[in-house]
Amino acid sequence: MDEKNTENYNKLIGTRVKMTRITKHISQTALAKEIGVTQTHLSNIENGRAGLTIPNLIKLHQILECPISSFFVDIEGEKEADN
């Protein structure tokens, strides 16, 4: 996987994290505290500037009460559409 694909994946996953958080009416600050990162780091994740670790992905799934797979739905199709 090249760097461009990694950045695209980070942006797609980050956007899904953000949309799920907003849908659940959870502030960025509150969610960051719950998963044990700074608000700035969560902002970077949501904007695709930082990737998610597996432990943080699991924490997000638990706190946001959504399937882990929801962050990855159609990710390959999204990637192909960008090329």
Protein backbone atom coordinates (compact mmCIF):
# COMPACT_ATOMS: atom_id res chain seq x y z
CA MET A 1 0.00 0.00 0.00
CA ASP A 2 1.45 3.33 -0.97
CA GLU A 3 1.37 6.57 1.00
CA LYS A 4 -1.41 8.12 -1.11
CA ASN A 5 -3.70 5.15 -0.47
CA THR A 6 -2.97 5.32 3.26
CA GLU A 7 -3.89 9.01 3.29
CA ASN A 8 -7.12 8.29 1.39
CA TYR A 9 -8.03 5.54 3.84
CA ASN A 10 -7.29 7.80 6.81
CA LYS A 11 -9.55 10.52 5.36
CA LEU A 12 -12.41 8.10 4.68
CA ILE A 13 -12.20 6.45 8.09
CA GLY A 14 -11.77 9.79 9.86
CA THR A 15 -14.84 11.19 8.13
CA ARG A 16 -16.86 8.17 9.26
CA VAL A 17 -15.65 8.60 12.83
CA LYS A 18 -16.66 12.26 12.73
CA MET A 19 -20.10 11.60 11.22
CA THR A 20 -20.81 8.86 13.75
CA ARG A 21 -19.71 11.12 16.62
CA ILE A 22 -21.92 13.96 15.41
CA THR A 23 -24.88 11.62 14.90
CA LYS A 24 -24.48 10.43 18.51
CA HIS A 25 -24.32 14.07 19.74
CA ILE A 26 -20.91 13.60 21.35
CA SER A 27 -18.47 16.50 21.39
CA GLN A 28 -14.99 16.05 20.04
CA THR A 29 -13.55 16.97 23.44
CA ALA A 30 -15.70 14.42 25.27
CA LEU A 31 -14.89 11.61 22.82
CA ALA A 32 -11.18 12.39 22.91
CA LYS A 33 -11.21 12.17 26.70
CA GLU A 34 -13.10 8.85 26.58
CA ILE A 35 -10.58 7.21 24.24
CA GLY A 36 -7.58 8.76 25.97
CA VAL A 37 -6.25 11.12 23.31
CA THR A 38 -6.11 14.88 23.05
CA GLN A 39 -8.83 16.81 21.26
CA THR A 40 -6.19 17.86 18.73
CA HIS A 41 -5.27 14.25 17.99
CA LEU A 42 -8.93 13.28 17.53
CA SER A 43 -9.35 16.26 15.20
CA ASN A 44 -6.35 15.01 13.22
CA ILE A 45 -7.91 11.53 13.01
CA GLU A 46 -11.26 12.94 11.87
CA ASN A 47 -9.56 15.06 9.22
CA GLY A 48 -7.34 12.25 7.93
CA ARG A 49 -4.09 13.73 9.16
CA ALA A 50 -3.53 10.86 11.62
CA GLY A 51 -4.41 7.20 11.49
CA LEU A 52 -6.21 5.14 14.09
CA THR A 53 -4.51 2.54 16.22
CA ILE A 54 -6.35 -0.74 16.70
CA PRO A 55 -6.89 -0.10 20.44
CA ASN A 56 -8.40 3.32 19.69
CA LEU A 57 -10.55 1.83 16.94
CA ILE A 58 -11.92 -0.67 19.45
CA LYS A 59 -12.56 2.12 21.99
CA LEU A 60 -14.41 4.17 19.36
CA HIS A 61 -16.55 1.17 18.46
CA GLN A 62 -17.46 0.66 22.12
CA ILE A 63 -18.11 4.31 22.97
CA LEU A 64 -19.97 5.16 19.76
CA GLU A 65 -21.88 1.86 19.96
CA CYS A 66 -21.36 1.02 16.30
CA PRO A 67 -19.84 -1.95 14.51
CA ILE A 68 -16.14 -1.63 13.78
CA SER A 69 -16.97 -2.54 10.20
CA SER A 70 -19.01 0.68 9.84
CA PHE A 71 -15.73 2.59 9.58
CA PHE A 72 -14.69 0.44 6.59
CA VAL A 73 -17.90 -0.07 4.57
CA ASP A 74 -17.19 0.21 0.83
CA ILE A 75 -13.70 1.53 1.49
CA GLU A 76 -12.28 -0.27 -1.56
CA GLY A 77 -15.00 1.16 -3.79
CA GLU A 78 -14.29 4.65 -2.43
CA LYS A 79 -10.59 4.23 -3.15
CA GLU A 80 -11.23 3.13 -6.73
CA ALA A 81 -13.55 6.06 -7.33
CA ASP A 82 -10.74 8.43 -6.33
CA ASN A 83 -8.30 7.01 -8.92
